[in-house]
N, C-alpha and C. Protein backbone atom coordinates (compact mmCIF):
# COMPACT_ATOMS: atom_id res chain seq x y z
N UNK A 1 74.53 114.89 54.05
CA UNK A 1 75.07 113.93 54.87
C UNK A 1 76.22 113.16 54.26
N UNK A 2 76.30 113.05 52.86
CA UNK A 2 77.48 112.50 52.26
C UNK A 2 78.68 113.39 52.52
N UNK A 3 78.52 114.67 52.54
CA UNK A 3 79.59 115.70 52.99
C UNK A 3 80.24 115.40 54.27
N UNK A 4 79.36 115.22 55.24
CA UNK A 4 79.75 115.02 56.57
C UNK A 4 80.56 113.80 56.76
N UNK A 5 80.00 112.71 56.09
CA UNK A 5 80.68 111.45 56.02
C UNK A 5 82.11 111.60 55.46
N UNK A 6 82.14 112.39 54.30
CA UNK A 6 83.43 112.56 53.69
C UNK A 6 84.43 113.20 54.44
N UNK A 7 84.07 114.36 55.28
CA UNK A 7 84.89 115.11 56.11
C UNK A 7 85.29 114.21 57.21
N UNK A 8 84.39 113.43 57.82
CA UNK A 8 84.67 112.51 58.87
C UNK A 8 85.71 111.53 58.44
N UNK A 9 85.64 110.95 57.30
CA UNK A 9 86.61 110.02 56.72
C UNK A 9 87.88 110.62 56.64
N UNK A 10 87.88 111.95 56.05
CA UNK A 10 89.22 112.67 55.95
C UNK A 10 89.94 113.04 57.33
N UNK A 11 89.08 113.29 58.28
CA UNK A 11 89.69 113.60 59.57
C UNK A 11 90.16 112.22 60.17
N UNK A 12 89.50 111.14 60.02
CA UNK A 12 89.84 109.87 60.53
C UNK A 12 91.19 109.51 59.82
N UNK A 13 91.22 109.62 58.52
CA UNK A 13 92.37 109.16 57.87
C UNK A 13 93.68 110.05 58.25
N UNK A 14 93.39 111.35 58.43
CA UNK A 14 94.48 112.24 58.84
C UNK A 14 94.97 111.95 60.23
N UNK A 15 93.96 111.62 61.08
CA UNK A 15 94.38 111.23 62.48
C UNK A 15 95.30 109.91 62.43
N UNK A 16 94.80 108.92 61.52
CA UNK A 16 95.50 107.72 61.45
C UNK A 16 97.03 107.99 60.89
N UNK A 17 97.05 108.89 60.04
CA UNK A 17 98.27 109.25 59.27
C UNK A 17 99.21 109.86 60.38
N UNK A 18 98.65 110.83 61.21
CA UNK A 18 99.45 111.44 62.14
C UNK A 18 100.00 110.43 63.26
N UNK A 19 99.17 109.49 63.63
CA UNK A 19 99.54 108.51 64.59
C UNK A 19 100.69 107.54 64.01
N UNK A 20 100.48 107.28 62.77
CA UNK A 20 101.59 106.30 62.22
C UNK A 20 102.77 107.10 62.02
N UNK A 21 102.83 108.48 61.78
CA UNK A 21 104.06 109.18 61.61
C UNK A 21 104.65 109.13 63.09
N UNK A 22 103.78 109.51 64.22
CA UNK A 22 104.29 109.45 65.60
C UNK A 22 104.98 108.15 65.82
N UNK A 23 104.28 107.00 65.50
CA UNK A 23 104.76 105.69 65.89
C UNK A 23 106.08 105.40 65.26
N UNK A 24 106.06 105.53 63.85
CA UNK A 24 107.17 105.01 63.09
C UNK A 24 108.31 106.10 63.06
N UNK A 25 108.05 107.35 63.11
CA UNK A 25 109.14 108.41 63.06
C UNK A 25 109.50 109.04 64.30
N UNK A 26 108.63 109.70 65.02
CA UNK A 26 108.92 110.47 66.27
C UNK A 26 109.22 109.44 67.45
N UNK A 27 108.58 108.47 67.70
CA UNK A 27 108.79 107.61 68.82
C UNK A 27 110.23 107.09 68.81
N UNK A 28 110.64 106.55 67.77
CA UNK A 28 111.99 106.02 67.77
C UNK A 28 113.12 107.05 68.04
N UNK A 29 112.76 108.33 67.45
CA UNK A 29 113.74 109.47 67.60
C UNK A 29 113.75 109.66 69.07
N UNK A 30 112.52 109.83 69.77
CA UNK A 30 112.39 110.31 71.12
C UNK A 30 113.19 109.13 71.97
N UNK A 31 113.05 107.87 71.63
CA UNK A 31 113.60 106.86 72.32
C UNK A 31 115.08 107.00 72.45
N UNK A 32 115.60 107.35 71.20
CA UNK A 32 117.10 107.41 71.16
C UNK A 32 117.55 108.61 72.00
N UNK A 33 116.89 109.68 71.90
CA UNK A 33 117.22 110.87 72.72
C UNK A 33 117.14 110.67 74.28
N UNK A 34 116.03 109.75 74.73
CA UNK A 34 115.89 109.54 76.02
C UNK A 34 117.11 108.60 76.48
N UNK A 35 117.46 107.72 75.63
CA UNK A 35 118.54 106.70 75.79
C UNK A 35 119.84 107.39 76.02
N UNK A 36 120.18 108.42 75.28
CA UNK A 36 121.31 109.33 75.35
C UNK A 36 121.25 110.16 76.70
N UNK A 37 120.13 110.58 77.01
CA UNK A 37 119.94 111.47 78.23
C UNK A 37 120.22 110.46 79.52
N UNK A 38 119.67 109.27 79.52
CA UNK A 38 119.77 108.32 80.51
C UNK A 38 121.21 108.02 80.67
N UNK A 39 121.99 107.71 79.65
CA UNK A 39 123.43 107.29 79.72
C UNK A 39 124.25 108.43 80.25
N UNK A 40 123.87 109.76 79.80
CA UNK A 40 124.56 110.92 80.34
C UNK A 40 124.23 111.04 81.94
N UNK A 41 122.97 110.94 82.27
CA UNK A 41 122.65 110.92 83.75
C UNK A 41 123.42 109.83 84.52
N UNK A 42 123.43 108.72 84.01
CA UNK A 42 124.09 107.55 84.64
C UNK A 42 125.56 107.85 84.86
N UNK A 43 126.13 108.29 83.71
CA UNK A 43 127.67 108.66 83.72
C UNK A 43 127.94 109.67 84.85
N UNK A 44 127.05 110.71 85.03
CA UNK A 44 127.29 111.78 85.88
C UNK A 44 127.16 111.40 87.29
N UNK A 45 126.26 110.29 87.50
CA UNK A 45 125.92 109.94 88.85
C UNK A 45 126.46 108.66 89.26
N UNK A 46 127.17 107.96 88.36
CA UNK A 46 127.81 106.62 88.65
C UNK A 46 128.60 106.51 90.03
N UNK A 47 129.46 107.45 90.17
CA UNK A 47 130.31 107.47 91.45
C UNK A 47 129.42 107.60 92.79
N UNK A 48 128.41 108.51 92.63
CA UNK A 48 127.50 108.65 93.80
C UNK A 48 126.72 107.24 94.01
N UNK A 49 126.27 106.69 92.95
CA UNK A 49 125.48 105.45 93.02
C UNK A 49 126.40 104.40 93.73
N UNK A 50 127.73 104.18 93.28
CA UNK A 50 128.73 103.29 93.73
C UNK A 50 129.00 103.55 95.17
N UNK A 51 129.13 104.80 95.58
CA UNK A 51 129.41 105.03 96.89
C UNK A 51 128.23 104.61 97.83
N UNK A 52 127.01 104.79 97.41
CA UNK A 52 125.85 104.28 98.34
C UNK A 52 125.98 102.84 98.29
N UNK A 53 126.07 102.12 97.17
CA UNK A 53 126.12 100.77 97.08
C UNK A 53 127.10 100.05 97.98
N UNK A 54 128.29 100.88 98.04
CA UNK A 54 129.40 100.23 98.91
C UNK A 54 129.17 100.28 100.35
N UNK A 55 128.08 101.13 100.83
CA UNK A 55 127.83 101.16 102.25
C UNK A 55 126.97 100.00 102.65
N UNK A 56 126.53 99.25 101.79
CA UNK A 56 125.51 98.02 102.11
C UNK A 56 126.06 96.72 101.67
N UNK A 57 125.66 95.63 102.21
CA UNK A 57 126.12 94.36 101.88
C UNK A 57 125.15 93.83 100.76
N UNK A 58 125.68 93.82 99.54
CA UNK A 58 124.98 93.37 98.38
C UNK A 58 125.11 91.95 98.10
N UNK A 59 124.12 91.30 97.72
CA UNK A 59 124.02 89.98 97.41
C UNK A 59 123.11 89.59 96.27
N UNK A 60 123.48 88.53 95.58
CA UNK A 60 122.64 87.91 94.45
C UNK A 60 122.48 86.55 94.78
N UNK A 61 121.25 85.95 94.32
CA UNK A 61 121.15 84.45 94.68
C UNK A 61 120.04 84.10 93.50
N UNK A 62 120.15 82.82 93.16
CA UNK A 62 119.11 82.25 92.32
C UNK A 62 118.43 81.22 92.89
N UNK A 63 117.02 81.44 92.97
CA UNK A 63 115.97 80.47 93.60
C UNK A 63 115.00 80.20 92.44
N UNK A 64 114.86 78.93 92.29
CA UNK A 64 113.94 78.29 91.25
C UNK A 64 113.93 79.07 89.85
N UNK A 65 115.22 79.30 89.48
CA UNK A 65 115.38 79.92 88.28
C UNK A 65 115.29 81.26 88.20
N UNK A 66 115.04 81.96 89.34
CA UNK A 66 114.91 83.40 89.33
C UNK A 66 116.05 84.11 90.17
N UNK A 67 116.71 85.05 89.46
CA UNK A 67 117.89 85.79 90.14
C UNK A 67 117.22 86.81 90.95
N UNK A 68 117.73 86.87 92.24
CA UNK A 68 117.13 88.01 93.20
C UNK A 68 118.46 88.72 93.74
N UNK A 69 118.16 90.12 93.79
CA UNK A 69 119.38 90.86 94.32
C UNK A 69 118.79 91.37 95.88
N UNK A 70 119.63 91.44 96.64
CA UNK A 70 119.04 91.87 98.00
C UNK A 70 120.22 92.51 98.83
N UNK A 71 119.89 93.26 99.78
CA UNK A 71 120.89 93.88 100.57
C UNK A 71 120.66 93.31 101.99
N UNK A 72 121.64 92.88 102.75
CA UNK A 72 121.45 92.34 104.00
C UNK A 72 122.27 93.10 105.10
N UNK A 73 121.73 93.60 106.04
CA UNK A 73 122.43 94.29 107.13
C UNK A 73 122.04 93.72 108.52
N UNK A 74 122.77 94.18 109.60
CA UNK A 74 122.39 93.80 110.86
C UNK A 74 123.04 92.42 111.29
N UNK A 75 122.18 91.86 112.33
CA UNK A 75 122.61 90.75 112.93
C UNK A 75 122.26 89.32 112.22
N UNK A 76 123.15 88.60 111.53
CA UNK A 76 122.62 87.49 110.65
C UNK A 76 122.05 86.30 111.30
N UNK A 77 122.22 86.36 112.76
CA UNK A 77 121.71 85.29 113.50
C UNK A 77 120.31 85.59 114.22
N UNK A 78 119.68 86.73 113.81
CA UNK A 78 118.59 87.25 114.66
C UNK A 78 117.40 87.15 113.93
N UNK A 79 116.29 87.52 114.40
CA UNK A 79 115.10 87.67 113.65
C UNK A 79 115.11 88.60 112.51
N UNK A 80 114.35 88.22 111.52
CA UNK A 80 114.49 89.02 110.16
C UNK A 80 113.30 89.90 110.04
N UNK A 81 113.60 91.19 109.40
CA UNK A 81 112.80 92.13 108.98
C UNK A 81 112.99 92.20 107.58
N UNK A 82 111.98 91.87 106.74
CA UNK A 82 112.01 91.84 105.38
C UNK A 82 111.41 93.18 104.85
N UNK A 83 112.08 93.97 103.79
CA UNK A 83 111.50 95.19 103.36
C UNK A 83 111.22 95.00 101.90
N UNK A 84 109.97 95.25 101.63
CA UNK A 84 109.51 95.11 100.27
C UNK A 84 109.15 96.46 99.71
N UNK A 85 109.73 96.89 98.56
CA UNK A 85 109.61 98.30 97.96
C UNK A 85 108.44 98.52 97.08
N UNK A 86 108.26 99.71 96.74
CA UNK A 86 107.09 100.16 95.93
C UNK A 86 107.51 100.13 94.45
N UNK A 87 106.74 100.71 93.76
CA UNK A 87 106.81 100.83 92.26
C UNK A 87 107.18 102.28 91.82
N UNK A 88 108.08 102.55 91.07
CA UNK A 88 109.05 101.81 90.39
C UNK A 88 110.37 101.98 91.19
N UNK A 89 110.51 101.31 92.36
CA UNK A 89 111.68 101.45 93.19
C UNK A 89 112.58 100.15 93.20
N UNK A 90 113.31 100.08 94.21
CA UNK A 90 114.24 98.97 94.42
C UNK A 90 114.61 98.92 96.01
N UNK A 91 115.62 97.95 96.32
CA UNK A 91 116.00 97.87 97.74
C UNK A 91 116.45 99.36 98.11
N UNK A 92 117.00 100.07 97.07
CA UNK A 92 117.62 101.48 97.31
C UNK A 92 116.65 102.37 98.01
N UNK A 93 115.46 102.19 97.76
CA UNK A 93 114.45 103.22 98.44
C UNK A 93 114.48 102.98 99.96
N UNK A 94 115.10 101.90 100.46
CA UNK A 94 115.30 101.77 101.90
C UNK A 94 116.71 102.12 102.35
N UNK A 95 117.42 102.88 101.61
CA UNK A 95 118.78 103.21 101.97
C UNK A 95 118.90 104.04 103.27
N UNK A 96 117.91 104.86 103.40
CA UNK A 96 117.90 105.90 104.47
C UNK A 96 117.31 105.24 105.78
N UNK A 97 116.45 104.15 105.53
CA UNK A 97 115.64 103.58 106.61
C UNK A 97 116.57 102.46 107.40
N UNK A 98 117.32 101.63 106.53
CA UNK A 98 118.05 100.52 107.14
C UNK A 98 119.11 100.88 108.17
N UNK A 99 119.79 102.06 107.99
CA UNK A 99 120.75 102.45 109.06
C UNK A 99 120.00 102.87 110.39
N UNK A 100 118.69 103.18 110.31
CA UNK A 100 117.90 103.68 111.51
C UNK A 100 117.30 102.51 112.13
N UNK A 101 117.10 101.34 111.56
CA UNK A 101 116.59 100.15 112.19
C UNK A 101 117.48 99.46 113.14
N UNK A 102 116.97 99.05 114.28
CA UNK A 102 117.93 98.28 115.17
C UNK A 102 118.66 97.20 114.59
N UNK A 103 119.96 97.32 114.63
CA UNK A 103 120.88 96.35 113.90
C UNK A 103 120.91 95.08 114.55
N UNK A 104 120.37 94.90 115.66
CA UNK A 104 120.23 93.60 116.35
C UNK A 104 119.32 92.58 115.52
N UNK A 105 118.54 93.22 114.66
CA UNK A 105 117.82 92.30 113.64
C UNK A 105 118.62 92.02 112.47
N UNK A 106 118.08 90.93 111.76
CA UNK A 106 118.71 90.66 110.38
C UNK A 106 117.84 91.39 109.31
N UNK A 107 118.29 92.42 108.69
CA UNK A 107 117.59 93.25 107.80
C UNK A 107 117.88 92.85 106.34
N UNK A 108 116.70 92.56 105.71
CA UNK A 108 116.96 92.15 104.35
C UNK A 108 115.90 93.08 103.45
N UNK A 109 116.54 93.84 102.56
CA UNK A 109 115.82 94.52 101.65
C UNK A 109 116.07 94.03 100.22
N UNK A 110 114.92 93.45 99.47
CA UNK A 110 115.11 92.93 98.19
C UNK A 110 114.79 93.93 97.21
N UNK A 111 115.41 93.61 96.03
CA UNK A 111 114.95 94.13 94.67
C UNK A 111 113.73 93.27 94.32
N UNK A 112 112.51 93.55 94.29
CA UNK A 112 111.51 92.72 94.00
C UNK A 112 111.65 92.17 92.42
N UNK A 113 111.08 91.16 92.20
CA UNK A 113 111.03 90.50 90.86
C UNK A 113 110.93 91.48 89.81
N UNK A 114 111.79 91.74 88.74
CA UNK A 114 111.50 92.70 87.67
C UNK A 114 112.07 94.00 88.05
N UNK A 115 112.61 94.21 89.06
CA UNK A 115 113.05 95.46 89.57
C UNK A 115 114.50 95.51 89.94
N UNK A 116 115.21 96.76 89.71
CA UNK A 116 116.61 96.75 90.11
C UNK A 116 117.45 95.80 89.47
N UNK A 117 118.16 94.97 90.25
CA UNK A 117 119.05 93.90 89.69
C UNK A 117 118.49 92.57 89.87
N UNK A 118 117.24 92.42 90.28
CA UNK A 118 116.58 91.15 90.22
C UNK A 118 115.96 90.78 88.76
N UNK A 119 115.77 89.61 88.70
CA UNK A 119 115.27 89.00 87.30
C UNK A 119 114.12 89.60 86.71
N UNK A 120 114.26 89.88 85.45
CA UNK A 120 113.14 90.34 84.62
C UNK A 120 112.59 89.43 83.73
N UNK A 121 113.08 88.10 83.67
CA UNK A 121 112.78 87.18 82.83
C UNK A 121 111.46 86.42 83.01
N UNK A 122 111.17 86.25 84.36
CA UNK A 122 109.76 85.59 84.57
C UNK A 122 108.78 86.60 84.68
N UNK A 123 107.76 86.39 83.80
CA UNK A 123 106.74 87.47 83.52
C UNK A 123 105.56 87.19 84.33
N UNK A 124 105.53 86.28 85.31
CA UNK A 124 104.35 86.02 86.10
C UNK A 124 104.30 86.77 87.27
N UNK A 125 103.45 88.00 87.20
CA UNK A 125 103.35 88.81 88.33
C UNK A 125 102.08 88.68 89.18
N UNK A 126 101.43 87.42 89.03
CA UNK A 126 100.25 87.12 89.91
C UNK A 126 100.63 87.37 91.25
N UNK A 127 99.80 88.09 92.18
CA UNK A 127 100.27 88.43 93.46
C UNK A 127 100.71 87.17 94.29
N UNK A 128 99.87 86.12 94.09
CA UNK A 128 100.06 84.94 94.97
C UNK A 128 101.26 84.21 94.58
N UNK A 129 101.72 84.24 93.13
CA UNK A 129 102.99 83.65 92.67
C UNK A 129 104.02 84.45 93.13
N UNK A 130 104.07 85.76 93.17
CA UNK A 130 105.20 86.63 93.54
C UNK A 130 105.29 86.51 95.13
N UNK A 131 104.28 86.37 95.85
CA UNK A 131 104.34 86.21 97.28
C UNK A 131 105.00 84.86 97.58
N UNK A 132 104.66 83.84 96.89
CA UNK A 132 105.17 82.44 97.09
C UNK A 132 106.57 82.49 96.73
N UNK A 133 106.98 83.18 95.72
CA UNK A 133 108.48 83.33 95.16
C UNK A 133 109.35 83.94 96.25
N UNK A 134 108.71 84.91 96.94
CA UNK A 134 109.51 85.57 97.91
C UNK A 134 109.59 84.63 99.23
N UNK A 135 108.68 83.96 99.53
CA UNK A 135 108.61 82.96 100.47
C UNK A 135 109.72 81.96 100.20
N UNK A 136 109.90 81.42 99.05
CA UNK A 136 111.01 80.65 98.51
C UNK A 136 112.19 81.20 98.62
N UNK A 137 112.34 82.56 98.42
CA UNK A 137 113.55 83.33 98.53
C UNK A 137 114.10 83.16 100.07
N UNK A 138 112.97 83.50 100.99
CA UNK A 138 113.32 83.47 102.23
C UNK A 138 113.75 82.04 102.83
N UNK A 139 113.22 81.01 102.27
CA UNK A 139 113.67 79.69 102.58
C UNK A 139 115.07 79.47 102.20
N UNK A 140 115.46 79.99 100.99
CA UNK A 140 116.83 79.83 100.53
C UNK A 140 117.89 80.52 101.38
N UNK A 141 117.30 81.55 102.07
CA UNK A 141 118.21 82.28 102.96
C UNK A 141 118.12 81.85 104.45
N UNK A 142 117.46 80.81 104.59
CA UNK A 142 117.34 80.24 106.01
C UNK A 142 116.40 80.81 107.02
N UNK A 143 115.45 81.63 106.28
CA UNK A 143 114.53 82.44 107.02
C UNK A 143 113.26 81.72 107.19
N UNK A 144 112.95 81.35 108.28
CA UNK A 144 111.66 80.59 108.53
C UNK A 144 110.38 81.60 108.80
N UNK A 145 110.76 82.52 109.56
CA UNK A 145 109.78 83.43 109.86
C UNK A 145 110.21 84.85 109.81
N UNK A 146 109.49 85.92 109.61
CA UNK A 146 110.00 87.15 109.48
C UNK A 146 108.92 88.35 109.72
N UNK A 147 109.44 89.52 110.08
CA UNK A 147 108.44 90.68 110.05
C UNK A 147 108.64 91.22 108.61
N UNK A 148 107.45 91.67 108.12
CA UNK A 148 107.44 92.44 106.75
C UNK A 148 107.13 93.80 106.87
N UNK A 149 107.80 94.70 106.25
CA UNK A 149 107.72 96.07 105.97
C UNK A 149 107.43 96.31 104.69
N UNK A 150 106.38 96.88 104.27
CA UNK A 150 106.17 96.99 102.72
C UNK A 150 105.58 98.43 102.48
N UNK A 151 105.77 98.75 101.15
CA UNK A 151 105.43 100.14 100.57
C UNK A 151 104.90 99.98 99.24
N UNK A 152 103.67 100.36 99.00
CA UNK A 152 103.09 100.57 97.63
C UNK A 152 102.96 99.04 97.03
N UNK A 153 103.59 98.76 95.89
CA UNK A 153 103.42 97.42 95.22
C UNK A 153 103.85 96.29 96.24
N UNK A 154 104.84 96.65 97.04
CA UNK A 154 105.34 95.81 98.07
C UNK A 154 104.18 95.46 99.15
N UNK A 155 103.38 96.43 99.42
CA UNK A 155 102.19 96.29 100.28
C UNK A 155 101.22 95.13 99.77
N UNK A 156 100.99 95.33 98.39
CA UNK A 156 100.18 94.31 97.86
C UNK A 156 100.57 92.84 97.98
N UNK A 157 101.93 92.61 97.62
CA UNK A 157 102.55 91.52 97.84
C UNK A 157 102.63 91.07 99.32
N UNK A 158 103.14 92.04 100.24
CA UNK A 158 103.01 91.71 101.63
C UNK A 158 101.72 91.27 102.20
N UNK A 159 100.64 91.98 101.78
CA UNK A 159 99.36 91.60 102.31
C UNK A 159 99.01 90.11 101.79
N UNK A 160 99.32 89.78 100.62
CA UNK A 160 99.21 88.32 100.10
C UNK A 160 99.97 87.41 100.89
N UNK A 161 101.19 87.76 101.31
CA UNK A 161 102.06 86.89 101.99
C UNK A 161 101.45 86.63 103.27
N UNK A 162 100.91 87.80 103.95
CA UNK A 162 100.30 87.61 105.29
C UNK A 162 99.12 86.62 105.20
N UNK A 163 98.40 86.79 104.09
CA UNK A 163 97.19 85.92 103.87
C UNK A 163 97.43 84.46 103.52
N UNK A 164 98.42 84.28 102.62
CA UNK A 164 98.68 83.02 102.04
C UNK A 164 99.65 82.19 103.01
N UNK A 165 100.53 82.85 103.74
CA UNK A 165 101.65 82.26 104.57
C UNK A 165 101.62 82.92 106.02
N UNK A 166 100.43 82.97 106.75
CA UNK A 166 100.39 83.63 108.00
C UNK A 166 101.37 83.01 109.09
N UNK A 167 101.66 81.65 108.82
CA UNK A 167 102.53 80.97 109.81
C UNK A 167 103.98 81.50 109.77
N UNK A 168 104.33 82.24 108.62
CA UNK A 168 105.66 82.62 108.33
C UNK A 168 105.86 84.16 108.85
N UNK A 169 104.74 84.74 109.09
CA UNK A 169 104.87 86.20 109.45
C UNK A 169 104.95 86.45 111.08
N UNK A 170 105.90 87.18 111.45
CA UNK A 170 105.94 87.59 112.90
C UNK A 170 105.26 88.84 113.02
N UNK A 171 105.19 89.68 112.17
CA UNK A 171 104.53 91.02 112.24
C UNK A 171 104.55 91.72 110.85
N UNK A 172 103.59 92.66 110.66
CA UNK A 172 103.63 93.23 109.42
C UNK A 172 103.33 94.85 109.56
N UNK A 173 104.06 95.56 108.81
CA UNK A 173 103.87 96.97 108.77
C UNK A 173 103.65 97.41 107.27
N UNK A 174 102.50 97.95 107.17
CA UNK A 174 102.03 98.42 105.73
C UNK A 174 102.19 99.95 105.61
N UNK A 175 102.89 100.38 104.60
CA UNK A 175 102.88 101.78 104.32
C UNK A 175 102.14 102.03 102.91
N UNK A 176 101.16 102.79 103.00
CA UNK A 176 100.30 102.97 101.87
C UNK A 176 99.40 101.71 101.82
N UNK A 177 98.13 102.02 101.73
CA UNK A 177 97.11 101.08 101.56
C UNK A 177 97.11 100.40 100.17
N UNK A 178 96.90 99.11 100.23
CA UNK A 178 97.04 98.44 99.07
C UNK A 178 95.63 98.58 98.28
N UNK A 179 95.46 98.01 97.21
CA UNK A 179 94.37 98.38 96.24
C UNK A 179 93.19 97.30 96.48
N UNK A 180 93.33 96.38 97.37
CA UNK A 180 92.35 95.38 97.74
C UNK A 180 91.36 95.87 98.57
N UNK A 181 90.13 95.83 98.33
CA UNK A 181 89.11 96.28 99.13
C UNK A 181 88.57 95.09 99.99
N UNK A 182 88.04 95.49 101.10
CA UNK A 182 87.75 94.49 102.11
C UNK A 182 86.57 93.54 101.45
N UNK A 183 86.80 92.25 101.77
CA UNK A 183 85.79 91.25 101.22
C UNK A 183 86.24 90.70 99.96
N UNK A 184 87.41 90.99 99.45
CA UNK A 184 87.91 90.32 98.21
C UNK A 184 88.51 89.09 98.54
N UNK A 185 89.33 88.53 97.66
CA UNK A 185 89.72 87.17 97.66
C UNK A 185 90.53 86.73 98.90
N UNK A 186 91.08 87.62 99.57
CA UNK A 186 91.89 87.24 100.80
C UNK A 186 91.60 88.19 101.84
N UNK A 187 91.83 87.78 103.04
CA UNK A 187 91.61 88.57 104.20
C UNK A 187 92.83 88.67 105.07
N UNK A 188 93.46 89.81 105.15
CA UNK A 188 94.60 90.06 105.96
C UNK A 188 94.25 90.02 107.44
N UNK A 189 95.24 89.52 108.18
CA UNK A 189 95.05 89.45 109.63
C UNK A 189 96.04 90.51 110.20
N UNK A 190 95.61 91.28 111.06
CA UNK A 190 96.43 92.28 111.75
C UNK A 190 97.40 91.53 112.68
N UNK A 191 98.68 91.91 112.55
CA UNK A 191 99.84 91.50 113.38
C UNK A 191 100.41 92.61 114.17
N UNK A 192 100.87 92.44 115.33
CA UNK A 192 101.53 93.42 116.17
C UNK A 192 102.97 92.93 116.34
N UNK A 193 103.83 93.99 116.21
CA UNK A 193 105.20 93.75 116.57
C UNK A 193 105.22 93.76 118.08
N UNK A 194 105.96 92.77 118.66
CA UNK A 194 106.15 92.71 120.15
C UNK A 194 107.56 93.16 120.70
């Protein structure tokens, strides 16, 4: 039994040593190598990125201390369709969709908090908090009511917006089911686009 315990101790100590070597030696080397690859990739594709960005109306605003980046297209005096992206994406994931949507609507695709060019500083990602912050963003843009189109992480936030602020929602399109099971803390109501 002592021999088994001794070998077990040696194995655990060896595993701990390997883990320490990985964390203190290999991980920083890997991080530097990935940073170099990222910079190379960004340099190679910056012109393409800039050309796509130039096709859309880019905006930044600060609401309640949070910097938001968003793209706005279509008719600025019409009903709003708000696009909420998934994880790990940004407004950019809607770049093929926006030109296909009726430009008689005011189309707003945001970089959700912590993504793209929106603020990373506020670390409160409680669903209800984020949904409320997006409502505050809409208020700052003069949007009283809107249609919401959501995907992935945006669907979780969109579902909470519908539940917490139903008076602000004209219609809701969900792409991908959110992770909330029926009977949980909130109940989403189905809305139809008319």
